[in-house]
Amino acid sequence: MEMKMAISLPTSIQAYFDADRARSPEAVAAAFAENGMVRDKGQTHRGRDAIRDWMAGEDQQYSYTIEPFHIGTKDGMTEVIGHATGDFPGSPIDLRFLFSLADNRIAELEITV
């Protein structure tokens, strides 16, 4: 059995990945600041309601898991790279998550390949 090294993530980022794994759009949105923002697939989702709706749409469209395996900093943001596998085109793929944090919440998240 292959063992992956666990990485330590800031609390709000860990909460995001835990909520995503649990398929909970409400909990994903709660990890963000009230006016938080997500940029994904060329679209911007601003505010917890829009983030919840975005995550609910992702959950309906695809079944997937993301395993974070790298954390660092890039341009003053926290960069997490996660291995994503599922029933989406191009699976498996490594995704880059760039987080900006404020007051123990996610202020901004950009997801790219």
PDB file of N, CA and C in Angstrom:
ATOM      1  N   MET A   1       0.847  -1.185   0.000  1.00  0.00           N
ATOM      2  CA  MET A   1       0.000   0.000   0.000  1.00  0.00           C
ATOM      3  C   MET A   1       0.887   1.241   0.000  1.00  0.00           C
ATOM      4  N   GLU A   2       0.603   2.151  -0.907  1.00  0.00           N
ATOM      5  CA  GLU A   2       1.404   3.364  -1.024  1.00  0.00           C
ATOM      6  C   GLU A   2       1.018   4.350   0.066  1.00  0.00           C
ATOM      7  N   MET A   3       2.015   4.899   0.738  1.00  0.00           N
ATOM      8  CA  MET A   3       1.757   5.890   1.783  1.00  0.00           C
ATOM      9  C   MET A   3       2.141   7.267   1.266  1.00  0.00           C
ATOM     10  N   LYS A   4       1.221   8.223   1.400  1.00  0.00           N
ATOM     11  CA  LYS A   4       1.528   9.590   1.014  1.00  0.00           C
ATOM     12  C   LYS A   4       1.849  10.376   2.272  1.00  0.00           C
ATOM     13  N   MET A   5       2.783  11.292   2.124  1.00  0.00           N
ATOM     14  CA  MET A   5       3.163  12.103   3.264  1.00  0.00           C
ATOM     15  C   MET A   5       2.095  13.176   3.499  1.00  0.00           C
ATOM     16  N   ALA A   6       1.577  13.234   4.677  1.00  0.00           N
ATOM     17  CA  ALA A   6       0.584  14.249   5.006  1.00  0.00           C
ATOM     18  C   ALA A   6       1.277  15.597   5.117  1.00  0.00           C
ATOM     19  N   ILE A   7       0.597  16.626   4.640  1.00  0.00           N
ATOM     20  CA  ILE A   7       1.142  17.967   4.795  1.00  0.00           C
ATOM     21  C   ILE A   7       0.270  18.731   5.773  1.00  0.00           C
ATOM     22  N   SER A   8       0.855  19.705   6.425  1.00  0.00           N
ATOM     23  CA  SER A   8       0.133  20.508   7.403  1.00  0.00           C
ATOM     24  C   SER A   8      -0.374  21.777   6.718  1.00  0.00           C
ATOM     25  N   LEU A   9      -1.693  21.985   6.767  1.00  0.00           N
ATOM     26  CA  LEU A   9      -2.313  23.137   6.120  1.00  0.00           C
ATOM     27  C   LEU A   9      -2.842  24.112   7.160  1.00  0.00           C
ATOM     28  N   PRO A  10      -2.861  25.415   6.845  1.00  0.00           N
ATOM     29  CA  PRO A  10      -3.513  26.373   7.740  1.00  0.00           C
ATOM     30  C   PRO A  10      -4.972  25.954   7.978  1.00  0.00           C
ATOM     31  N   THR A  11      -5.512  26.285   9.119  1.00  0.00           N
ATOM     32  CA  THR A  11      -6.833  25.832   9.544  1.00  0.00           C
ATOM     33  C   THR A  11      -7.917  26.070   8.506  1.00  0.00           C
ATOM     34  N   SER A  12      -8.001  27.274   7.957  1.00  0.00           N
ATOM     35  CA  SER A  12      -9.076  27.573   7.011  1.00  0.00           C
ATOM     36  C   SER A  12      -8.912  26.794   5.707  1.00  0.00           C
ATOM     37  N   ILE A  13      -7.674  26.561   5.287  1.00  0.00           N
ATOM     38  CA  ILE A  13      -7.436  25.788   4.069  1.00  0.00           C
ATOM     39  C   ILE A  13      -7.763  24.316   4.319  1.00  0.00           C
ATOM     40  N   GLN A  14      -7.389  23.809   5.481  1.00  0.00           N
ATOM     41  CA  GLN A  14      -7.760  22.426   5.838  1.00  0.00           C
ATOM     42  C   GLN A  14      -9.281  22.285   5.876  1.00  0.00           C
ATOM     43  N   ALA A  15      -9.964  23.301   6.414  1.00  0.00           N
ATOM     44  CA  ALA A  15     -11.428  23.281   6.477  1.00  0.00           C
ATOM     45  C   ALA A  15     -12.024  23.223   5.069  1.00  0.00           C
ATOM     46  N   TYR A  16     -11.415  23.955   4.125  1.00  0.00           N
ATOM     47  CA  TYR A  16     -11.895  23.933   2.733  1.00  0.00           C
ATOM     48  C   TYR A  16     -11.787  22.520   2.152  1.00  0.00           C
ATOM     49  N   PHE A  17     -10.603  21.903   2.274  1.00  0.00           N
ATOM     50  CA  PHE A  17     -10.423  20.573   1.700  1.00  0.00           C
ATOM     51  C   PHE A  17     -11.276  19.520   2.412  1.00  0.00           C
ATOM     52  N   ASP A  18     -11.433  19.652   3.737  1.00  0.00           N
ATOM     53  CA  ASP A  18     -12.293  18.721   4.480  1.00  0.00           C
ATOM     54  C   ASP A  18     -13.748  18.848   4.015  1.00  0.00           C
ATOM     55  N   ALA A  19     -14.219  20.084   3.852  1.00  0.00           N
ATOM     56  CA  ALA A  19     -15.603  20.316   3.422  1.00  0.00           C
ATOM     57  C   ALA A  19     -15.820  19.820   1.996  1.00  0.00           C
ATOM     58  N   ASP A  20     -14.809  20.015   1.140  1.00  0.00           N
ATOM     59  CA  ASP A  20     -14.895  19.535  -0.237  1.00  0.00           C
ATOM     60  C   ASP A  20     -14.980  18.009  -0.250  1.00  0.00           C
ATOM     61  N   ARG A  21     -14.144  17.358   0.552  1.00  0.00           N
ATOM     62  CA  ARG A  21     -14.135  15.892   0.629  1.00  0.00           C
ATOM     63  C   ARG A  21     -15.480  15.372   1.148  1.00  0.00           C
ATOM     64  N   ALA A  22     -16.097  16.131   2.066  1.00  0.00           N
ATOM     65  CA  ALA A  22     -17.390  15.739   2.644  1.00  0.00           C
ATOM     66  C   ALA A  22     -18.565  16.117   1.730  1.00  0.00           C
ATOM     67  N   ARG A  23     -18.266  16.755   0.611  1.00  0.00           N
ATOM     68  CA  ARG A  23     -19.301  17.199  -0.339  1.00  0.00           C
ATOM     69  C   ARG A  23     -20.308  18.123   0.350  1.00  0.00           C
ATOM     70  N   SER A  24     -19.795  19.102   1.085  1.00  0.00           N
ATOM     71  CA  SER A  24     -20.659  20.034   1.807  1.00  0.00           C
ATOM     72  C   SER A  24     -20.462  21.459   1.293  1.00  0.00           C
ATOM     73  N   PRO A  25     -21.287  21.900   0.318  1.00  0.00           N
ATOM     74  CA  PRO A  25     -21.166  23.275  -0.176  1.00  0.00           C
ATOM     75  C   PRO A  25     -21.301  24.318   0.931  1.00  0.00           C
ATOM     76  N   GLU A  26     -22.154  24.051   1.933  1.00  0.00           N
ATOM     77  CA  GLU A  26     -22.316  24.988   3.054  1.00  0.00           C
ATOM     78  C   GLU A  26     -21.006  25.145   3.825  1.00  0.00           C
ATOM     79  N   ALA A  27     -20.348  24.017   4.117  1.00  0.00           N
ATOM     80  CA  ALA A  27     -19.103  24.068   4.873  1.00  0.00           C
ATOM     81  C   ALA A  27     -17.976  24.682   4.045  1.00  0.00           C
ATOM     82  N   VAL A  28     -17.969  24.438   2.735  1.00  0.00           N
ATOM     83  CA  VAL A  28     -16.970  25.086   1.881  1.00  0.00           C
ATOM     84  C   VAL A  28     -17.152  26.596   1.969  1.00  0.00           C
ATOM     85  N   ALA A  29     -18.377  27.070   1.793  1.00  0.00           N
ATOM     86  CA  ALA A  29     -18.647  28.506   1.846  1.00  0.00           C
ATOM     87  C   ALA A  29     -18.266  29.095   3.196  1.00  0.00           C
ATOM     88  N   ALA A  30     -18.479  28.332   4.274  1.00  0.00           N
ATOM     89  CA  ALA A  30     -18.169  28.821   5.625  1.00  0.00           C
ATOM     90  C   ALA A  30     -16.668  29.013   5.849  1.00  0.00           C
ATOM     91  N   ALA A  31     -15.830  28.356   5.047  1.00  0.00           N
ATOM     92  CA  ALA A  31     -14.383  28.523   5.179  1.00  0.00           C
ATOM     93  C   ALA A  31     -13.922  29.871   4.635  1.00  0.00           C
ATOM     94  N   PHE A  32     -14.793  30.550   3.904  1.00  0.00           N
ATOM     95  CA  PHE A  32     -14.453  31.823   3.268  1.00  0.00           C
ATOM     96  C   PHE A  32     -14.915  33.009   4.098  1.00  0.00           C
ATOM     97  N   ALA A  33     -14.217  34.138   3.908  1.00  0.00           N
ATOM     98  CA  ALA A  33     -14.681  35.400   4.455  1.00  0.00           C
ATOM     99  C   ALA A  33     -16.037  35.710   3.813  1.00  0.00           C
ATOM    100  N   GLU A  34     -16.826  36.563   4.468  1.00  0.00           N
ATOM    101  CA  GLU A  34     -18.170  36.866   3.982  1.00  0.00           C
ATOM    102  C   GLU A  34     -18.166  37.324   2.523  1.00  0.00           C
ATOM    103  N   ASN A  35     -17.179  38.122   2.162  1.00  0.00           N
ATOM    104  CA  ASN A  35     -17.091  38.621   0.788  1.00  0.00           C
ATOM    105  C   ASN A  35     -15.967  37.914   0.023  1.00  0.00           C
ATOM    106  N   GLY A  36     -15.712  36.658   0.380  1.00  0.00           N
ATOM    107  CA  GLY A  36     -14.659  35.879  -0.256  1.00  0.00           C
ATOM    108  C   GLY A  36     -14.922  35.679  -1.739  1.00  0.00           C
ATOM    109  N   MET A  37     -13.872  35.236  -2.449  1.00  0.00           N
ATOM    110  CA  MET A  37     -13.974  35.105  -3.892  1.00  0.00           C
ATOM    111  C   MET A  37     -13.247  33.853  -4.364  1.00  0.00           C
ATOM    112  N   VAL A  38     -13.853  33.183  -5.348  1.00  0.00           N
ATOM    113  CA  VAL A  38     -13.239  32.023  -6.000  1.00  0.00           C
ATOM    114  C   VAL A  38     -13.145  32.316  -7.488  1.00  0.00           C
ATOM    115  N   ARG A  39     -11.967  32.047  -8.064  1.00  0.00           N
ATOM    116  CA  ARG A  39     -11.797  32.083  -9.516  1.00  0.00           C
ATOM    117  C   ARG A  39     -11.493  30.664  -9.966  1.00  0.00           C
ATOM    118  N   ASP A  40     -12.359  30.130 -10.839  1.00  0.00           N
ATOM    119  CA  ASP A  40     -12.214  28.760 -11.320  1.00  0.00           C
ATOM    120  C   ASP A  40     -12.796  28.670 -12.722  1.00  0.00           C
ATOM    121  N   LYS A  41     -12.070  28.047 -13.631  1.00  0.00           N
ATOM    122  CA  LYS A  41     -12.535  27.826 -15.008  1.00  0.00           C
ATOM    123  C   LYS A  41     -12.984  29.116 -15.678  1.00  0.00           C
ATOM    124  N   GLY A  42     -12.251  30.204 -15.444  1.00  0.00           N
ATOM    125  CA  GLY A  42     -12.547  31.472 -16.102  1.00  0.00           C
ATOM    126  C   GLY A  42     -13.718  32.238 -15.529  1.00  0.00           C
ATOM    127  N   GLN A  43     -14.281  31.768 -14.424  1.00  0.00           N
ATOM    128  CA  GLN A  43     -15.404  32.464 -13.793  1.00  0.00           C
ATOM    129  C   GLN A  43     -15.033  32.899 -12.388  1.00  0.00           C
ATOM    130  N   THR A  44     -15.649  34.001 -11.941  1.00  0.00           N
ATOM    131  CA  THR A  44     -15.430  34.515 -10.595  1.00  0.00           C
ATOM    132  C   THR A  44     -16.725  34.389  -9.805  1.00  0.00           C
ATOM    133  N   HIS A  45     -16.607  33.860  -8.597  1.00  0.00           N
ATOM    134  CA  HIS A  45     -17.748  33.670  -7.695  1.00  0.00           C
ATOM    135  C   HIS A  45     -17.443  34.474  -6.438  1.00  0.00           C
ATOM    136  N   ARG A  46     -18.258  35.493  -6.134  1.00  0.00           N
ATOM    137  CA  ARG A  46     -17.974  36.401  -5.024  1.00  0.00           C
ATOM    138  C   ARG A  46     -19.068  36.316  -3.961  1.00  0.00           C
ATOM    139  N   GLY A  47     -18.646  36.124  -2.713  1.00  0.00           N
ATOM    140  CA  GLY A  47     -19.585  36.038  -1.597  1.00  0.00           C
ATOM    141  C   GLY A  47     -19.917  34.582  -1.273  1.00  0.00           C
ATOM    142  N   ARG A  48     -20.280  34.336  -0.021  1.00  0.00           N
ATOM    143  CA  ARG A  48     -20.526  32.959   0.426  1.00  0.00           C
ATOM    144  C   ARG A  48     -21.660  32.273  -0.329  1.00  0.00           C
ATOM    145  N   ASP A  49     -22.738  33.018  -0.667  1.00  0.00           N
ATOM    146  CA  ASP A  49     -23.852  32.396  -1.398  1.00  0.00           C
ATOM    147  C   ASP A  49     -23.385  31.917  -2.768  1.00  0.00           C
ATOM    148  N   ALA A  50     -22.626  32.765  -3.477  1.00  0.00           N
ATOM    149  CA  ALA A  50     -22.136  32.394  -4.812  1.00  0.00           C
ATOM    150  C   ALA A  50     -21.146  31.241  -4.715  1.00  0.00           C
ATOM    151  N   ILE A  51     -20.317  31.230  -3.676  1.00  0.00           N
ATOM    152  CA  ILE A  51     -19.348  30.144  -3.486  1.00  0.00           C
ATOM    153  C   ILE A  51     -20.076  28.837  -3.183  1.00  0.00           C
ATOM    154  N   ARG A  52     -21.095  28.900  -2.349  1.00  0.00           N
ATOM    155  CA  ARG A  52     -21.891  27.699  -2.056  1.00  0.00           C
ATOM    156  C   ARG A  52     -22.533  27.159  -3.339  1.00  0.00           C
ATOM    157  N   ASP A  53     -23.114  28.053  -4.151  1.00  0.00           N
ATOM    158  CA  ASP A  53     -23.758  27.637  -5.401  1.00  0.00           C
ATOM    159  C   ASP A  53     -22.737  27.043  -6.373  1.00  0.00           C
ATOM    160  N   TRP A  54     -21.544  27.652  -6.447  1.00  0.00           N
ATOM    161  CA  TRP A  54     -20.471  27.125  -7.307  1.00  0.00           C
ATOM    162  C   TRP A  54     -20.102  25.704  -6.878  1.00  0.00           C
ATOM    163  N   MET A  55     -19.896  25.494  -5.590  1.00  0.00           N
ATOM    164  CA  MET A  55     -19.503  24.169  -5.099  1.00  0.00           C
ATOM    165  C   MET A  55     -20.621  23.153  -5.305  1.00  0.00           C
ATOM    166  N   ALA A  56     -21.865  23.560  -5.091  1.00  0.00           N
ATOM    167  CA  ALA A  56     -22.990  22.646  -5.314  1.00  0.00           C
ATOM    168  C   ALA A  56     -23.029  22.220  -6.777  1.00  0.00           C
ATOM    169  N   GLY A  57     -22.743  23.142  -7.683  1.00  0.00           N
ATOM    170  CA  GLY A  57     -22.715  22.823  -9.104  1.00  0.00           C
ATOM    171  C   GLY A  57     -21.591  21.865  -9.456  1.00  0.00           C
ATOM    172  N   GLU A  58     -20.420  22.069  -8.849  1.00  0.00           N
ATOM    173  CA  GLU A  58     -19.284  21.165  -9.080  1.00  0.00           C
ATOM    174  C   GLU A  58     -19.627  19.757  -8.589  1.00  0.00           C
ATOM    175  N   ASP A  59     -20.274  19.676  -7.430  1.00  0.00           N
ATOM    176  CA  ASP A  59     -20.631  18.372  -6.863  1.00  0.00           C
ATOM    177  C   ASP A  59     -21.632  17.635  -7.748  1.00  0.00           C
ATOM    178  N   GLN A  60     -22.554  18.377  -8.371  1.00  0.00           N
ATOM    179  CA  GLN A  60     -23.552  17.744  -9.232  1.00  0.00           C
ATOM    180  C   GLN A  60     -22.928  17.289 -10.549  1.00  0.00           C
ATOM    181  N   GLN A  61     -21.931  18.034 -11.018  1.00  0.00           N
ATOM    182  CA  GLN A  61     -21.347  17.763 -12.325  1.00  0.00           C
ATOM    183  C   GLN A  61     -20.367  16.589 -12.298  1.00  0.00           C
ATOM    184  N   TYR A  62     -19.546  16.515 -11.233  1.00  0.00           N
ATOM    185  CA  TYR A  62     -18.471  15.521 -11.189  1.00  0.00           C
ATOM    186  C   TYR A  62     -18.367  14.870  -9.825  1.00  0.00           C
ATOM    187  N   SER A  63     -17.842  13.653  -9.838  1.00  0.00           N
ATOM    188  CA  SER A  63     -17.451  12.974  -8.600  1.00  0.00           C
ATOM    189  C   SER A  63     -15.932  12.941  -8.603  1.00  0.00           C
ATOM    190  N   TYR A  64     -15.307  13.423  -7.539  1.00  0.00           N
ATOM    191  CA  TYR A  64     -13.848  13.543  -7.524  1.00  0.00           C
ATOM    192  C   TYR A  64     -13.309  13.569  -6.097  1.00  0.00           C
ATOM    193  N   THR A  65     -12.016  13.355  -5.982  1.00  0.00           N
ATOM    194  CA  THR A  65     -11.311  13.546  -4.714  1.00  0.00           C
ATOM    195  C   THR A  65     -10.050  14.348  -5.004  1.00  0.00           C
ATOM    196  N   ILE A  66      -9.645  15.144  -4.026  1.00  0.00           N
ATOM    197  CA  ILE A  66      -8.415  15.941  -4.135  1.00  0.00           C
ATOM    198  C   ILE A  66      -7.559  15.640  -2.925  1.00  0.00           C
ATOM    199  N   GLU A  67      -6.320  15.245  -3.191  1.00  0.00           N
ATOM    200  CA  GLU A  67      -5.361  14.979  -2.117  1.00  0.00           C
ATOM    201  C   GLU A  67      -4.235  16.008  -2.186  1.00  0.00           C
ATOM    202  N   PRO A  68      -4.231  16.990  -1.277  1.00  0.00           N
ATOM    203  CA  PRO A  68      -3.143  17.970  -1.268  1.00  0.00           C
ATOM    204  C   PRO A  68      -1.805  17.288  -0.952  1.00  0.00           C
ATOM    205  N   PHE A  69      -0.765  17.637  -1.716  1.00  0.00           N
ATOM    206  CA  PHE A  69       0.539  17.030  -1.464  1.00  0.00           C
ATOM    207  C   PHE A  69       1.676  18.037  -1.397  1.00  0.00           C
ATOM    208  N   HIS A  70       1.404  19.308  -1.643  1.00  0.00           N
ATOM    209  CA  HIS A  70       2.457  20.329  -1.592  1.00  0.00           C
ATOM    210  C   HIS A  70       1.858  21.630  -1.074  1.00  0.00           C
ATOM    211  N   ILE A  71       2.620  22.317  -0.209  1.00  0.00           N
ATOM    212  CA  ILE A  71       2.223  23.657   0.231  1.00  0.00           C
ATOM    213  C   ILE A  71       3.450  24.549   0.152  1.00  0.00           C
ATOM    214  N   GLY A  72       3.238  25.759  -0.311  1.00  0.00           N
ATOM    215  CA  GLY A  72       4.316  26.737  -0.419  1.00  0.00           C
ATOM    216  C   GLY A  72       3.718  28.128  -0.524  1.00  0.00           C
ATOM    217  N   THR A  73       4.538  29.089  -0.930  1.00  0.00           N
ATOM    218  CA  THR A  73       4.029  30.434  -1.146  1.00  0.00           C
ATOM    219  C   THR A  73       4.388  30.876  -2.557  1.00  0.00           C
ATOM    220  N   LYS A  74       3.499  31.654  -3.142  1.00  0.00           N
ATOM    221  CA  LYS A  74       3.717  32.193  -4.477  1.00  0.00           C
ATOM    222  C   LYS A  74       3.055  33.556  -4.537  1.00  0.00           C
ATOM    223  N   ASP A  75       3.835  34.582  -4.844  1.00  0.00           N
ATOM    224  CA  ASP A  75       3.320  35.951  -4.946  1.00  0.00           C
ATOM    225  C   ASP A  75       2.545  36.356  -3.696  1.00  0.00           C
ATOM    226  N   GLY A  76       3.035  35.967  -2.526  1.00  0.00           N
ATOM    227  CA  GLY A  76       2.404  36.350  -1.272  1.00  0.00           C
ATOM    228  C   GLY A  76       1.163  35.549  -0.918  1.00  0.00           C
ATOM    229  N   MET A  77       0.836  34.558  -1.722  1.00  0.00           N
ATOM    230  CA  MET A  77      -0.337  33.718  -1.456  1.00  0.00           C
ATOM    231  C   MET A  77       0.128  32.328  -1.041  1.00  0.00           C
ATOM    232  N   THR A  78      -0.752  31.589  -0.379  1.00  0.00           N
ATOM    233  CA  THR A  78      -0.458  30.209  -0.012  1.00  0.00           C
ATOM    234  C   THR A  78      -0.828  29.318  -1.188  1.00  0.00           C
ATOM    235  N   GLU A  79       0.162  28.573  -1.678  1.00  0.00           N
ATOM    236  CA  GLU A  79      -0.059  27.697  -2.817  1.00  0.00           C
ATOM    237  C   GLU A  79      -0.145  26.255  -2.332  1.00  0.00           C
ATOM    238  N   VAL A  80      -1.227  25.580  -2.711  1.00  0.00           N
ATOM    239  CA  VAL A  80      -1.404  24.165  -2.404  1.00  0.00           C
ATOM    240  C   VAL A  80      -1.597  23.443  -3.735  1.00  0.00           C
ATOM    241  N   ILE A  81      -0.864  22.374  -3.929  1.00  0.00           N
ATOM    242  CA  ILE A  81      -1.061  21.550  -5.113  1.00  0.00           C
ATOM    243  C   ILE A  81      -1.696  20.248  -4.657  1.00  0.00           C
ATOM    244  N   GLY A  82      -2.761  19.873  -5.340  1.00  0.00           N
ATOM    245  CA  GLY A  82      -3.493  18.668  -4.976  1.00  0.00           C
ATOM    246  C   GLY A  82      -3.684  17.766  -6.182  1.00  0.00           C
ATOM    247  N   HIS A  83      -3.616  16.481  -5.926  1.00  0.00           N
ATOM    248  CA  HIS A  83      -3.820  15.474  -6.962  1.00  0.00           C
ATOM    249  C   HIS A  83      -5.318  15.174  -7.020  1.00  0.00           C
ATOM    250  N   ALA A  84      -5.951  15.490  -8.168  1.00  0.00           N
ATOM    251  CA  ALA A  84      -7.391  15.315  -8.329  1.00  0.00           C
ATOM    252  C   ALA A  84      -7.672  14.117  -9.228  1.00  0.00           C
ATOM    253  N   THR A  85      -8.535  13.234  -8.747  1.00  0.00           N
ATOM    254  CA  THR A  85      -8.971  12.089  -9.542  1.00  0.00           C
ATOM    255  C   THR A  85     -10.494  12.024  -9.489  1.00  0.00           C
ATOM    256  N   GLY A  86     -11.096  11.585 -10.596  1.00  0.00           N
ATOM    257  CA  GLY A  86     -12.546  11.487 -10.615  1.00  0.00           C
ATOM    258  C   GLY A  86     -13.057  11.223 -12.008  1.00  0.00           C
ATOM    259  N   ASP A  87     -14.338  11.527 -12.213  1.00  0.00           N
ATOM    260  CA  ASP A  87     -14.979  11.250 -13.491  1.00  0.00           C
ATOM    261  C   ASP A  87     -15.074  12.502 -14.364  1.00  0.00           C
ATOM    262  N   PHE A  88     -14.065  13.355 -14.292  1.00  0.00           N
ATOM    263  CA  PHE A  88     -14.033  14.572 -15.100  1.00  0.00           C
ATOM    264  C   PHE A  88     -13.013  14.416 -16.231  1.00  0.00           C
ATOM    265  N   PRO A  89     -13.181  15.162 -17.325  1.00  0.00           N
ATOM    266  CA  PRO A  89     -12.231  15.068 -18.435  1.00  0.00           C
ATOM    267  C   PRO A  89     -10.809  15.408 -17.981  1.00  0.00           C
ATOM    268  N   GLY A  90      -9.841  14.594 -18.382  1.00  0.00           N
ATOM    269  CA  GLY A  90      -8.445  14.859 -18.039  1.00  0.00           C
ATOM    270  C   GLY A  90      -7.987  14.226 -16.741  1.00  0.00           C
ATOM    271  N   SER A  91      -8.869  13.522 -16.041  1.00  0.00           N
ATOM    272  CA  SER A  91      -8.495  12.892 -14.766  1.00  0.00           C
ATOM    273  C   SER A  91      -7.508  11.756 -15.016  1.00  0.00           C
ATOM    274  N   PRO A  92      -6.521  11.592 -14.127  1.00  0.00           N
ATOM    275  CA  PRO A  92      -6.181  12.437 -12.972  1.00  0.00           C
ATOM    276  C   PRO A  92      -5.346  13.643 -13.412  1.00  0.00           C
ATOM    277  N   ILE A  93      -5.348  14.673 -12.557  1.00  0.00           N
ATOM    278  CA  ILE A  93      -4.602  15.891 -12.847  1.00  0.00           C
ATOM    279  C   ILE A  93      -4.182  16.538 -11.529  1.00  0.00           C
ATOM    280  N   ASP A  94      -3.082  17.250 -11.559  1.00  0.00           N
ATOM    281  CA  ASP A  94      -2.661  18.028 -10.394  1.00  0.00           C
ATOM    282  C   ASP A  94      -3.188  19.448 -10.554  1.00  0.00           C
ATOM    283  N   LEU A  95      -3.913  19.921  -9.556  1.00  0.00           N
ATOM    284  CA  LEU A  95      -4.482  21.265  -9.565  1.00  0.00           C
ATOM    285  C   LEU A  95      -3.724  22.159  -8.602  1.00  0.00           C
ATOM    286  N   ARG A  96      -3.601  23.427  -8.981  1.00  0.00           N
ATOM    287  CA  ARG A  96      -2.933  24.429  -8.138  1.00  0.00           C
ATOM    288  C   ARG A  96      -4.011  25.317  -7.518  1.00  0.00           C
ATOM    289  N   PHE A  97      -3.981  25.412  -6.204  1.00  0.00           N
ATOM    290  CA  PHE A  97      -4.912  26.248  -5.445  1.00  0.00           C
ATOM    291  C   PHE A  97      -4.104  27.385  -4.833  1.00  0.00           C
ATOM    292  N   LEU A  98      -4.421  28.621  -5.202  1.00  0.00           N
ATOM    293  CA  LEU A  98      -3.758  29.785  -4.614  1.00  0.00           C
ATOM    294  C   LEU A  98      -4.737  30.454  -3.656  1.00  0.00           C
ATOM    295  N   PHE A  99      -4.374  30.461  -2.383  1.00  0.00           N
ATOM    296  CA  PHE A  99      -5.233  31.008  -1.331  1.00  0.00           C
ATOM    297  C   PHE A  99      -4.666  32.323  -0.808  1.00  0.00           C
ATOM    298  N   SER A 100      -5.555  33.277  -0.591  1.00  0.00           N
ATOM    299  CA  SER A 100      -5.239  34.488   0.152  1.00  0.00           C
ATOM    300  C   SER A 100      -6.082  34.427   1.415  1.00  0.00           C
ATOM    301  N   LEU A 101      -5.436  34.545   2.576  1.00  0.00           N
ATOM    302  CA  LEU A 101      -6.142  34.384   3.851  1.00  0.00           C
ATOM    303  C   LEU A 101      -6.286  35.722   4.567  1.00  0.00           C
ATOM    304  N   ALA A 102      -7.371  35.856   5.329  1.00  0.00           N
ATOM    305  CA  ALA A 102      -7.615  37.039   6.151  1.00  0.00           C
ATOM    306  C   ALA A 102      -8.449  36.621   7.351  1.00  0.00           C
ATOM    307  N   ASP A 103      -7.972  36.929   8.549  1.00  0.00           N
ATOM    308  CA  ASP A 103      -8.716  36.642   9.785  1.00  0.00           C
ATOM    309  C   ASP A 103      -9.176  35.184   9.868  1.00  0.00           C
ATOM    310  N   ASN A 104      -8.252  34.259   9.624  1.00  0.00           N
ATOM    311  CA  ASN A 104      -8.526  32.821   9.709  1.00  0.00           C
ATOM    312  C   ASN A 104      -9.619  32.350   8.752  1.00  0.00           C
ATOM    313  N   ARG A 105      -9.837  33.074   7.685  1.00  0.00           N
ATOM    314  CA  ARG A 105     -10.789  32.687   6.638  1.00  0.00           C
ATOM    315  C   ARG A 105     -10.091  32.837   5.297  1.00  0.00           C
ATOM    316  N   ILE A 106     -10.673  32.216   4.277  1.00  0.00           N
ATOM    317  CA  ILE A 106     -10.142  32.359   2.923  1.00  0.00           C
ATOM    318  C   ILE A 106     -10.755  33.618   2.312  1.00  0.00           C
ATOM    319  N   ALA A 107      -9.897  34.548   1.900  1.00  0.00           N
ATOM    320  CA  ALA A 107     -10.374  35.771   1.244  1.00  0.00           C
ATOM    321  C   ALA A 107     -10.507  35.538  -0.254  1.00  0.00           C
ATOM    322  N   GLU A 108      -9.519  34.828  -0.828  1.00  0.00           N
ATOM    323  CA  GLU A 108      -9.535  34.547  -2.262  1.00  0.00           C
ATOM    324  C   GLU A 108      -8.969  33.161  -2.515  1.00  0.00           C
ATOM    325  N   LEU A 109      -9.506  32.509  -3.543  1.00  0.00           N
ATOM    326  CA  LEU A 109      -9.005  31.236  -4.007  1.00  0.00           C
ATOM    327  C   LEU A 109      -9.017  31.239  -5.519  1.00  0.00           C
ATOM    328  N   GLU A 110      -7.882  30.902  -6.107  1.00  0.00           N
ATOM    329  CA  GLU A 110      -7.815  30.722  -7.557  1.00  0.00           C
ATOM    330  C   GLU A 110      -7.363  29.294  -7.814  1.00  0.00           C
ATOM    331  N   ILE A 111      -8.115  28.588  -8.670  1.00  0.00           N
ATOM    332  CA  ILE A 111      -7.810  27.196  -8.993  1.00  0.00           C
ATOM    333  C   ILE A 111      -7.359  27.131 -10.449  1.00  0.00           C
ATOM    334  N   THR A 112      -6.153  26.588 -10.662  1.00  0.00           N
ATOM    335  CA  THR A 112      -5.619  26.471 -12.019  1.00  0.00           C
ATOM    336  C   THR A 112      -4.944  25.108 -12.165  1.00  0.00           C
ATOM    337  N   VAL A 113      -4.562  24.785 -13.403  1.00  0.00           N
ATOM    338  CA  VAL A 113      -3.823  23.546 -13.649  1.00  0.00           C
ATOM    339  C   VAL A 113      -2.344  23.855 -13.734  1.00  0.00           C
TER     340      VAL A 113
END
